[in-house]
């Protein structure tokens, strides 16, 4: 592999749009002795001769979770300009991870703190027979579900709540309030899709919501028992966590989003927000 000459090293700040199959990765955050999205990206930048690399992403996905619309910004010193990063990094990244677009970042841009909303989809296959082709992308759930109860549980999630019950007890989070503007189950062929959009999410929050709402749909938990959990009810034994392989980060927005508070450091006058990355939601 050709490594660009160090004679052309410059300081760059890039915005990256990233897709990945989360199956082989232990989440976004770099961990010793484990393959992670952040770790693979840092190693790939190093392979290109880049130094002083700093990465920030819009949504730090958990182990096994996929992304079609992850966005990160990367500060680095190197000879590869932002617009050439997708092809250059493709030579050194694993097949399950790709930079699909890149551009120079707007002045002062921060992928994490500038994002105004994130959206996820969780795919549930409800037919009686499993799908070998979709096994790594859907949760097979052949048991009957009460759709009215599912819809009522999803509707209850909308609004601002304290989601401390829907994240591991041992957590780096100190602030547990999040605002949800979309929470619904929709039919897509033989799949039931849970769509959720919020200003931000806690660790494992979506998977815990899905698993617990499915328990409501199966009649194992009543709606009256579910709703108090949205305000930090300590009855954590009621929480069920859905498997990660059916969850995907599908959209990030940067402009004001109706019903959501703007990030504390968001600035309307900041030029050139990353519109080169079209939304999918």
C-alpha atoms as a PDB file:
ATOM      1  CA  UNK A   1       0.000   0.000   0.000  1.00  0.00           C
ATOM      2  CA  UNK A   2       1.280   3.486  -0.901  1.00  0.00           C
ATOM      3  CA  UNK A   3       1.572   5.847   2.080  1.00  0.00           C
ATOM      4  CA  UNK A   4       1.487   9.550   1.133  1.00  0.00           C
ATOM      5  CA  UNK A   5       4.720  11.461   1.630  1.00  0.00           C
ATOM      6  CA  UNK A   6       5.136  13.125   4.997  1.00  0.00           C
ATOM      7  CA  UNK A   7       6.448  16.182   3.143  1.00  0.00           C
ATOM      8  CA  UNK A   8       2.842  17.119   2.306  1.00  0.00           C
ATOM      9  CA  UNK A   9       1.486  16.882   5.859  1.00  0.00           C
ATOM     10  CA  UNK A  10      -1.219  19.450   6.640  1.00  0.00           C
ATOM     11  CA  UNK A  11      -3.776  19.929   9.381  1.00  0.00           C
ATOM     12  CA  UNK A  12      -7.281  18.915   8.292  1.00  0.00           C
ATOM     13  CA  UNK A  13     -10.764  18.781   9.779  1.00  0.00           C
ATOM     14  CA  UNK A  14     -13.138  16.461   7.932  1.00  0.00           C
ATOM     15  CA  UNK A  15     -16.764  15.387   8.222  1.00  0.00           C
ATOM     16  CA  UNK A  16     -17.260  11.687   7.479  1.00  0.00           C
ATOM     17  CA  UNK A  17     -20.410   9.766   6.612  1.00  0.00           C
ATOM     18  CA  UNK A  18     -19.932   6.181   7.746  1.00  0.00           C
ATOM     19  CA  UNK A  19     -21.716   2.890   7.167  1.00  0.00           C
ATOM     20  CA  UNK A  20     -20.969  -0.321   9.029  1.00  0.00           C
ATOM     21  CA  UNK A  21     -22.137  -3.799   9.780  1.00  0.00           C
ATOM     22  CA  UNK A  22     -21.814  -3.795  13.558  1.00  0.00           C
ATOM     23  CA  UNK A  23     -21.646  -7.586  13.896  1.00  0.00           C
ATOM     24  CA  UNK A  24     -17.854  -7.953  14.368  1.00  0.00           C
ATOM     25  CA  UNK A  25     -17.399  -4.768  16.407  1.00  0.00           C
ATOM     26  CA  UNK A  26     -17.665  -4.106  20.144  1.00  0.00           C
ATOM     27  CA  UNK A  27     -19.413  -0.798  19.542  1.00  0.00           C
ATOM     28  CA  UNK A  28     -18.038   2.592  18.573  1.00  0.00           C
ATOM     29  CA  UNK A  29     -15.793   3.449  21.523  1.00  0.00           C
ATOM     30  CA  UNK A  30     -12.186   2.257  21.355  1.00  0.00           C
ATOM     31  CA  UNK A  31     -11.424  -0.564  23.805  1.00  0.00           C
ATOM     32  CA  UNK A  32      -8.201  -2.423  24.486  1.00  0.00           C
ATOM     33  CA  UNK A  33      -7.945  -5.842  22.810  1.00  0.00           C
ATOM     34  CA  UNK A  34     -11.315  -5.455  21.047  1.00  0.00           C
ATOM     35  CA  UNK A  35     -12.272  -4.436  17.536  1.00  0.00           C
ATOM     36  CA  UNK A  36     -14.351  -1.234  17.598  1.00  0.00           C
ATOM     37  CA  UNK A  37     -15.401   1.313  14.985  1.00  0.00           C
ATOM     38  CA  UNK A  38     -13.295   4.069  16.529  1.00  0.00           C
ATOM     39  CA  UNK A  39     -10.306   1.765  16.937  1.00  0.00           C
ATOM     40  CA  UNK A  40     -10.438   0.582  13.317  1.00  0.00           C
ATOM     41  CA  UNK A  41     -10.735   4.138  12.032  1.00  0.00           C
ATOM     42  CA  UNK A  42      -7.793   5.356  14.114  1.00  0.00           C
ATOM     43  CA  UNK A  43      -5.683   2.426  12.885  1.00  0.00           C
ATOM     44  CA  UNK A  44      -6.668   3.189   9.289  1.00  0.00           C
ATOM     45  CA  UNK A  45      -5.704   6.858   9.595  1.00  0.00           C
ATOM     46  CA  UNK A  46      -2.366   5.772  11.053  1.00  0.00           C
ATOM     47  CA  UNK A  47      -1.833   3.422   8.106  1.00  0.00           C
ATOM     48  CA  UNK A  48      -2.201   6.442   5.823  1.00  0.00           C
ATOM     49  CA  UNK A  49       0.554   8.223   7.727  1.00  0.00           C
ATOM     50  CA  UNK A  50      -1.835  10.562   9.552  1.00  0.00           C
ATOM     51  CA  UNK A  51      -1.032  11.773  13.066  1.00  0.00           C
ATOM     52  CA  UNK A  52      -2.752  13.688  15.878  1.00  0.00           C
ATOM     53  CA  UNK A  53      -6.079  12.064  14.925  1.00  0.00           C
ATOM     54  CA  UNK A  54      -9.176  13.024  16.934  1.00  0.00           C
ATOM     55  CA  UNK A  55     -12.575  11.471  16.206  1.00  0.00           C
ATOM     56  CA  UNK A  56     -16.067  12.444  17.398  1.00  0.00           C
ATOM     57  CA  UNK A  57     -19.251  10.736  16.224  1.00  0.00           C
ATOM     58  CA  UNK A  58     -22.910  11.750  16.279  1.00  0.00           C
ATOM     59  CA  UNK A  59     -24.065   8.522  17.952  1.00  0.00           C
ATOM     60  CA  UNK A  60     -21.870   6.089  19.867  1.00  0.00           C
ATOM     61  CA  UNK A  61     -23.545   2.845  18.844  1.00  0.00           C
ATOM     62  CA  UNK A  62     -23.368  -0.240  21.074  1.00  0.00           C
ATOM     63  CA  UNK A  63     -21.747  -3.574  20.275  1.00  0.00           C
ATOM     64  CA  UNK A  64     -23.400  -5.324  17.334  1.00  0.00           C
ATOM     65  CA  UNK A  65     -25.465  -2.304  16.254  1.00  0.00           C
ATOM     66  CA  UNK A  66     -25.336  -1.222  12.602  1.00  0.00           C
ATOM     67  CA  UNK A  67     -25.304   2.209  10.946  1.00  0.00           C
ATOM     68  CA  UNK A  68     -26.238   3.494   7.506  1.00  0.00           C
ATOM     69  CA  UNK A  69     -25.930   7.172   8.457  1.00  0.00           C
ATOM     70  CA  UNK A  70     -23.295   7.571  11.140  1.00  0.00           C
ATOM     71  CA  UNK A  71     -21.516  10.942  10.986  1.00  0.00           C
ATOM     72  CA  UNK A  72     -18.166  11.764  12.559  1.00  0.00           C
ATOM     73  CA  UNK A  73     -15.703  14.589  12.385  1.00  0.00           C
ATOM     74  CA  UNK A  74     -11.987  13.869  12.248  1.00  0.00           C
ATOM     75  CA  UNK A  75      -9.149  16.253  13.013  1.00  0.00           C
ATOM     76  CA  UNK A  76      -5.824  14.980  11.731  1.00  0.00           C
ATOM     77  CA  UNK A  77      -2.439  15.940  10.348  1.00  0.00           C
ATOM     78  CA  UNK A  78      -1.712  14.186   7.061  1.00  0.00           C
ATOM     79  CA  UNK A  79      -1.225  14.359   3.320  1.00  0.00           C
ATOM     80  CA  UNK A  80      -4.690  13.034   2.390  1.00  0.00           C
ATOM     81  CA  UNK A  81      -7.310  15.816   2.035  1.00  0.00           C
ATOM     82  CA  UNK A  82     -10.871  15.144   3.261  1.00  0.00           C
ATOM     83  CA  UNK A  83     -12.369  14.556  -0.215  1.00  0.00           C
ATOM     84  CA  UNK A  84      -9.892  11.725  -0.849  1.00  0.00           C
ATOM     85  CA  UNK A  85     -10.477   9.933   2.454  1.00  0.00           C
ATOM     86  CA  UNK A  86     -13.245   7.525   1.288  1.00  0.00           C
ATOM     87  CA  UNK A  87     -11.064   5.838  -1.351  1.00  0.00           C
ATOM     88  CA  UNK A  88      -7.855   6.048   0.689  1.00  0.00           C
ATOM     89  CA  UNK A  89      -9.403   4.550   3.814  1.00  0.00           C
ATOM     90  CA  UNK A  90     -11.236   1.850   1.813  1.00  0.00           C
ATOM     91  CA  UNK A  91      -7.857   0.241   1.152  1.00  0.00           C
ATOM     92  CA  UNK A  92      -7.116  -0.272   4.840  1.00  0.00           C
ATOM     93  CA  UNK A  93     -10.490  -0.571   6.595  1.00  0.00           C
ATOM     94  CA  UNK A  94     -12.217  -3.951   7.149  1.00  0.00           C
ATOM     95  CA  UNK A  95     -14.980  -4.826   4.695  1.00  0.00           C
ATOM     96  CA  UNK A  96     -17.667  -4.287   7.341  1.00  0.00           C
ATOM     97  CA  UNK A  97     -16.780  -0.579   7.677  1.00  0.00           C
ATOM     98  CA  UNK A  98     -16.749   2.150   5.018  1.00  0.00           C
ATOM     99  CA  UNK A  99     -16.440   5.909   4.708  1.00  0.00           C
ATOM    100  CA  UNK A 100     -19.001   6.612   2.006  1.00  0.00           C
ATOM    101  CA  UNK A 101     -18.553  10.403   1.835  1.00  0.00           C
ATOM    102  CA  UNK A 102     -16.240  13.044   3.264  1.00  0.00           C
ATOM    103  CA  UNK A 103     -15.777  16.797   3.070  1.00  0.00           C
ATOM    104  CA  UNK A 104     -14.036  19.620   4.877  1.00  0.00           C
ATOM    105  CA  UNK A 105     -15.792  20.330   8.155  1.00  0.00           C
ATOM    106  CA  UNK A 106     -17.516  23.659   8.788  1.00  0.00           C
ATOM    107  CA  UNK A 107     -15.567  25.965  11.097  1.00  0.00           C
ATOM    108  CA  UNK A 108     -15.898  24.753  14.696  1.00  0.00           C
ATOM    109  CA  UNK A 109     -18.004  21.746  13.737  1.00  0.00           C
ATOM    110  CA  UNK A 110     -18.520  18.998  16.344  1.00  0.00           C
ATOM    111  CA  UNK A 111     -20.369  15.900  15.104  1.00  0.00           C
ATOM    112  CA  UNK A 112     -21.546  14.990  18.576  1.00  0.00           C
ATOM    113  CA  UNK A 113     -22.619  18.289  20.114  1.00  0.00           C
ATOM    114  CA  UNK A 114     -23.942  19.902  16.888  1.00  0.00           C
ATOM    115  CA  UNK A 115     -26.355  17.095  15.976  1.00  0.00           C
ATOM    116  CA  UNK A 116     -29.970  18.101  16.584  1.00  0.00           C
ATOM    117  CA  UNK A 117     -31.533  14.628  16.325  1.00  0.00           C
ATOM    118  CA  UNK A 118     -30.679  10.969  15.828  1.00  0.00           C
ATOM    119  CA  UNK A 119     -32.984   8.264  14.491  1.00  0.00           C
ATOM    120  CA  UNK A 120     -32.869   4.476  14.781  1.00  0.00           C
ATOM    121  CA  UNK A 121     -34.833   1.585  13.342  1.00  0.00           C
ATOM    122  CA  UNK A 122     -35.327  -1.795  15.004  1.00  0.00           C
ATOM    123  CA  UNK A 123     -36.511  -4.583  12.678  1.00  0.00           C
ATOM    124  CA  UNK A 124     -38.712  -7.427  13.939  1.00  0.00           C
ATOM    125  CA  UNK A 125     -39.697 -10.407  11.787  1.00  0.00           C
ATOM    126  CA  UNK A 126     -43.119 -11.527  12.991  1.00  0.00           C
ATOM    127  CA  UNK A 127     -43.823 -14.513  10.730  1.00  0.00           C
ATOM    128  CA  UNK A 128     -43.662 -18.034  12.134  1.00  0.00           C
ATOM    129  CA  UNK A 129     -40.636 -19.149  10.072  1.00  0.00           C
ATOM    130  CA  UNK A 130     -37.265 -17.453  10.431  1.00  0.00           C
ATOM    131  CA  UNK A 131     -35.419 -15.813   7.526  1.00  0.00           C
ATOM    132  CA  UNK A 132     -31.901 -17.180   6.912  1.00  0.00           C
ATOM    133  CA  UNK A 133     -31.115 -14.275   4.560  1.00  0.00           C
ATOM    134  CA  UNK A 134     -32.110 -11.619   7.123  1.00  0.00           C
ATOM    135  CA  UNK A 135     -30.880 -13.411  10.227  1.00  0.00           C
ATOM    136  CA  UNK A 136     -28.185 -10.809  10.963  1.00  0.00           C
ATOM    137  CA  UNK A 137     -30.557  -7.853  10.493  1.00  0.00           C
ATOM    138  CA  UNK A 138     -33.885  -8.773  12.091  1.00  0.00           C
ATOM    139  CA  UNK A 139     -35.138 -10.115  15.400  1.00  0.00           C
ATOM    140  CA  UNK A 140     -37.245 -13.204  14.728  1.00  0.00           C
ATOM    141  CA  UNK A 141     -40.314 -12.950  16.986  1.00  0.00           C
ATOM    142  CA  UNK A 142     -42.897 -15.584  16.002  1.00  0.00           C
ATOM    143  CA  UNK A 143     -44.988 -15.186  19.177  1.00  0.00           C
ATOM    144  CA  UNK A 144     -48.274 -13.235  18.861  1.00  0.00           C
ATOM    145  CA  UNK A 145     -48.144  -9.526  19.699  1.00  0.00           C
ATOM    146  CA  UNK A 146     -51.067  -7.275  20.623  1.00  0.00           C
ATOM    147  CA  UNK A 147     -50.580  -4.423  18.156  1.00  0.00           C
ATOM    148  CA  UNK A 148     -52.870  -2.044  20.028  1.00  0.00           C
ATOM    149  CA  UNK A 149     -50.797  -2.442  23.179  1.00  0.00           C
ATOM    150  CA  UNK A 150     -47.551  -2.021  21.225  1.00  0.00           C
ATOM    151  CA  UNK A 151     -48.821   1.174  19.616  1.00  0.00           C
ATOM    152  CA  UNK A 152     -49.980   2.530  22.975  1.00  0.00           C
ATOM    153  CA  UNK A 153     -46.605   1.782  24.566  1.00  0.00           C
ATOM    154  CA  UNK A 154     -44.748   3.454  21.687  1.00  0.00           C
ATOM    155  CA  UNK A 155     -46.994   6.536  21.919  1.00  0.00           C
ATOM    156  CA  UNK A 156     -46.273   6.794  25.646  1.00  0.00           C
ATOM    157  CA  UNK A 157     -42.546   7.106  24.897  1.00  0.00           C
ATOM    158  CA  UNK A 158     -43.050  10.393  23.008  1.00  0.00           C
ATOM    159  CA  UNK A 159     -42.106  13.504  24.976  1.00  0.00           C
ATOM    160  CA  UNK A 160     -39.482  14.289  27.573  1.00  0.00           C
ATOM    161  CA  UNK A 161     -38.848  11.511  30.084  1.00  0.00           C
ATOM    162  CA  UNK A 162     -36.246  10.373  32.562  1.00  0.00           C
ATOM    163  CA  UNK A 163     -34.849   7.212  30.964  1.00  0.00           C
ATOM    164  CA  UNK A 164     -32.559   6.106  33.812  1.00  0.00           C
ATOM    165  CA  UNK A 165     -34.443   2.786  33.939  1.00  0.00           C
ATOM    166  CA  UNK A 166     -33.614   2.173  30.264  1.00  0.00           C
ATOM    167  CA  UNK A 167     -29.825   2.218  30.530  1.00  0.00           C
ATOM    168  CA  UNK A 168     -27.437   0.001  32.522  1.00  0.00           C
ATOM    169  CA  UNK A 169     -27.255   0.840  36.230  1.00  0.00           C
ATOM    170  CA  UNK A 170     -23.511   1.333  35.912  1.00  0.00           C
ATOM    171  CA  UNK A 171     -23.386   4.162  33.386  1.00  0.00           C
ATOM    172  CA  UNK A 172     -21.219   7.100  32.424  1.00  0.00           C
ATOM    173  CA  UNK A 173     -24.373   9.202  32.052  1.00  0.00           C
ATOM    174  CA  UNK A 174     -25.248  11.740  34.732  1.00  0.00           C
ATOM    175  CA  UNK A 175     -28.205  13.338  32.931  1.00  0.00           C
ATOM    176  CA  UNK A 176     -30.988  10.943  31.978  1.00  0.00           C
ATOM    177  CA  UNK A 177     -33.667  13.164  30.446  1.00  0.00           C
ATOM    178  CA  UNK A 178     -34.181  12.756  26.714  1.00  0.00           C
ATOM    179  CA  UNK A 179     -36.861  14.143  24.379  1.00  0.00           C
ATOM    180  CA  UNK A 180     -38.507  11.749  21.909  1.00  0.00           C
ATOM    181  CA  UNK A 181     -40.401  13.113  18.894  1.00  0.00           C
ATOM    182  CA  UNK A 182     -40.963   9.889  16.944  1.00  0.00           C
ATOM    183  CA  UNK A 183     -41.824   6.544  18.520  1.00  0.00           C
ATOM    184  CA  UNK A 184     -43.942   4.175  16.487  1.00  0.00           C
ATOM    185  CA  UNK A 185     -44.273   0.687  15.076  1.00  0.00           C
ATOM    186  CA  UNK A 186     -44.904   0.432  11.339  1.00  0.00           C
ATOM    187  CA  UNK A 187     -45.456  -2.523   9.021  1.00  0.00           C
ATOM    188  CA  UNK A 188     -42.966  -3.161   6.231  1.00  0.00           C
ATOM    189  CA  UNK A 189     -43.872  -6.381   4.472  1.00  0.00           C
ATOM    190  CA  UNK A 190     -43.567  -9.196   7.004  1.00  0.00           C
ATOM    191  CA  UNK A 191     -41.484  -7.034   9.314  1.00  0.00           C
ATOM    192  CA  UNK A 192     -42.561  -4.802  12.182  1.00  0.00           C
ATOM    193  CA  UNK A 193     -40.267  -1.760  12.361  1.00  0.00           C
ATOM    194  CA  UNK A 194     -39.838   0.360  15.444  1.00  0.00           C
ATOM    195  CA  UNK A 195     -38.897   3.922  14.453  1.00  0.00           C
ATOM    196  CA  UNK A 196     -37.569   6.297  17.097  1.00  0.00           C
ATOM    197  CA  UNK A 197     -36.062   9.774  16.914  1.00  0.00           C
ATOM    198  CA  UNK A 198     -34.741  11.858  19.798  1.00  0.00           C
ATOM    199  CA  UNK A 199     -32.318  14.633  20.594  1.00  0.00           C
ATOM    200  CA  UNK A 200     -29.975  11.950  21.990  1.00  0.00           C
ATOM    201  CA  UNK A 201     -30.006   8.435  23.421  1.00  0.00           C
ATOM    202  CA  UNK A 202     -28.545   6.684  26.439  1.00  0.00           C
ATOM    203  CA  UNK A 203     -26.471   3.533  26.210  1.00  0.00           C
ATOM    204  CA  UNK A 204     -28.710   0.552  25.247  1.00  0.00           C
ATOM    205  CA  UNK A 205     -31.767   2.796  25.570  1.00  0.00           C
ATOM    206  CA  UNK A 206     -33.453   1.808  22.294  1.00  0.00           C
ATOM    207  CA  UNK A 207     -32.849  -1.908  22.827  1.00  0.00           C
ATOM    208  CA  UNK A 208     -34.266  -1.741  26.343  1.00  0.00           C
ATOM    209  CA  UNK A 209     -37.312   0.170  25.135  1.00  0.00           C
ATOM    210  CA  UNK A 210     -37.943  -2.345  22.337  1.00  0.00           C
ATOM    211  CA  UNK A 211     -37.471  -5.385  24.566  1.00  0.00           C
ATOM    212  CA  UNK A 212     -39.778  -4.004  27.236  1.00  0.00           C
ATOM    213  CA  UNK A 213     -42.450  -2.901  24.761  1.00  0.00           C
ATOM    214  CA  UNK A 214     -42.411  -6.365  23.211  1.00  0.00           C
ATOM    215  CA  UNK A 215     -43.068  -7.719  26.710  1.00  0.00           C
ATOM    216  CA  UNK A 216     -46.115  -5.425  26.826  1.00  0.00           C
ATOM    217  CA  UNK A 217     -47.217  -6.722  23.423  1.00  0.00           C
ATOM    218  CA  UNK A 218     -46.918 -10.317  24.654  1.00  0.00           C
ATOM    219  CA  UNK A 219     -48.983  -9.556  27.758  1.00  0.00           C
ATOM    220  CA  UNK A 220     -46.091 -10.119  30.165  1.00  0.00           C
ATOM    221  CA  UNK A 221     -46.139  -6.484  31.327  1.00  0.00           C
ATOM    222  CA  UNK A 222     -49.151  -4.205  31.462  1.00  0.00           C
ATOM    223  CA  UNK A 223     -49.238  -0.758  29.932  1.00  0.00           C
ATOM    224  CA  UNK A 224     -49.899   0.596  33.421  1.00  0.00           C
ATOM    225  CA  UNK A 225     -46.673  -1.036  34.596  1.00  0.00           C
ATOM    226  CA  UNK A 226     -44.712   0.201  31.581  1.00  0.00           C
ATOM    227  CA  UNK A 227     -45.533   3.910  31.740  1.00  0.00           C
ATOM    228  CA  UNK A 228     -43.977   4.600  35.194  1.00  0.00           C
ATOM    229  CA  UNK A 229     -40.711   3.118  33.906  1.00  0.00           C
ATOM    230  CA  UNK A 230     -40.455   6.145  31.614  1.00  0.00           C
ATOM    231  CA  UNK A 231     -40.006   8.395  34.631  1.00  0.00           C
ATOM    232  CA  UNK A 232     -37.141   6.488  36.208  1.00  0.00           C
ATOM    233  CA  UNK A 233     -39.193   3.955  38.178  1.00  0.00           C
ATOM    234  CA  UNK A 234     -36.578   1.762  39.905  1.00  0.00           C
ATOM    235  CA  UNK A 235     -38.384  -1.508  39.124  1.00  0.00           C
ATOM    236  CA  UNK A 236     -35.607  -2.541  36.764  1.00  0.00           C
ATOM    237  CA  UNK A 237     -36.596  -6.220  36.890  1.00  0.00           C
ATOM    238  CA  UNK A 238     -39.347  -5.286  34.429  1.00  0.00           C
ATOM    239  CA  UNK A 239     -36.793  -4.283  31.782  1.00  0.00           C
ATOM    240  CA  UNK A 240     -35.976  -6.637  28.910  1.00  0.00           C
ATOM    241  CA  UNK A 241     -33.156  -5.819  26.478  1.00  0.00           C
ATOM    242  CA  UNK A 242     -33.642  -6.700  22.803  1.00  0.00           C
ATOM    243  CA  UNK A 243     -30.710  -8.179  20.887  1.00  0.00           C
ATOM    244  CA  UNK A 244     -28.447  -5.645  19.105  1.00  0.00           C
ATOM    245  CA  UNK A 245     -28.287  -7.137  15.603  1.00  0.00           C
ATOM    246  CA  UNK A 246     -31.672  -5.739  14.510  1.00  0.00           C
ATOM    247  CA  UNK A 247     -30.887  -2.118  15.446  1.00  0.00           C
ATOM    248  CA  UNK A 248     -29.526   0.444  12.984  1.00  0.00           C
ATOM    249  CA  UNK A 249     -28.686   4.159  13.173  1.00  0.00           C
ATOM    250  CA  UNK A 250     -30.459   5.533  10.091  1.00  0.00           C
ATOM    251  CA  UNK A 251     -30.401   9.337  10.308  1.00  0.00           C
ATOM    252  CA  UNK A 252     -28.729  12.349  11.931  1.00  0.00           C
ATOM    253  CA  UNK A 253     -29.926  15.948  11.514  1.00  0.00           C
ATOM    254  CA  UNK A 254     -28.120  19.263  11.994  1.00  0.00           C
ATOM    255  CA  UNK A 255     -30.834  21.885  11.640  1.00  0.00           C
ATOM    256  CA  UNK A 256     -33.521  22.743  14.228  1.00  0.00           C
ATOM    257  CA  UNK A 257     -35.968  19.843  14.539  1.00  0.00           C
ATOM    258  CA  UNK A 258     -39.552  20.609  15.601  1.00  0.00           C
ATOM    259  CA  UNK A 259     -40.202  19.500  19.160  1.00  0.00           C
ATOM    260  CA  UNK A 260     -36.548  19.020  20.129  1.00  0.00           C
ATOM    261  CA  UNK A 261     -34.317  21.330  22.188  1.00  0.00           C
ATOM    262  CA  UNK A 262     -31.269  22.649  20.377  1.00  0.00           C
ATOM    263  CA  UNK A 263     -27.855  21.490  21.655  1.00  0.00           C
ATOM    264  CA  UNK A 264     -26.341  23.991  24.144  1.00  0.00           C
ATOM    265  CA  UNK A 265     -23.529  25.088  21.800  1.00  0.00           C
ATOM    266  CA  UNK A 266     -25.548  25.041  18.564  1.00  0.00           C
ATOM    267  CA  UNK A 267     -25.029  28.218  16.494  1.00  0.00           C
ATOM    268  CA  UNK A 268     -27.357  29.308  13.705  1.00  0.00           C
ATOM    269  CA  UNK A 269     -24.632  31.391  12.095  1.00  0.00           C
ATOM    270  CA  UNK A 270     -22.192  28.490  11.729  1.00  0.00           C
ATOM    271  CA  UNK A 271     -21.580  28.231   7.962  1.00  0.00           C
ATOM    272  CA  UNK A 272     -21.642  25.161   5.782  1.00  0.00           C
ATOM    273  CA  UNK A 273     -23.382  22.557   7.916  1.00  0.00           C
ATOM    274  CA  UNK A 274     -22.990  19.064   6.378  1.00  0.00           C
ATOM    275  CA  UNK A 275     -25.863  19.164   3.874  1.00  0.00           C
ATOM    276  CA  UNK A 276     -23.700  17.058   1.540  1.00  0.00           C
ATOM    277  CA  UNK A 277     -24.972  14.124   3.579  1.00  0.00           C
ATOM    278  CA  UNK A 278     -28.685  13.829   2.695  1.00  0.00           C
ATOM    279  CA  UNK A 279     -31.043  12.632   5.400  1.00  0.00           C
ATOM    280  CA  UNK A 280     -32.839   9.305   5.134  1.00  0.00           C
ATOM    281  CA  UNK A 281     -35.608   9.866   7.661  1.00  0.00           C
END
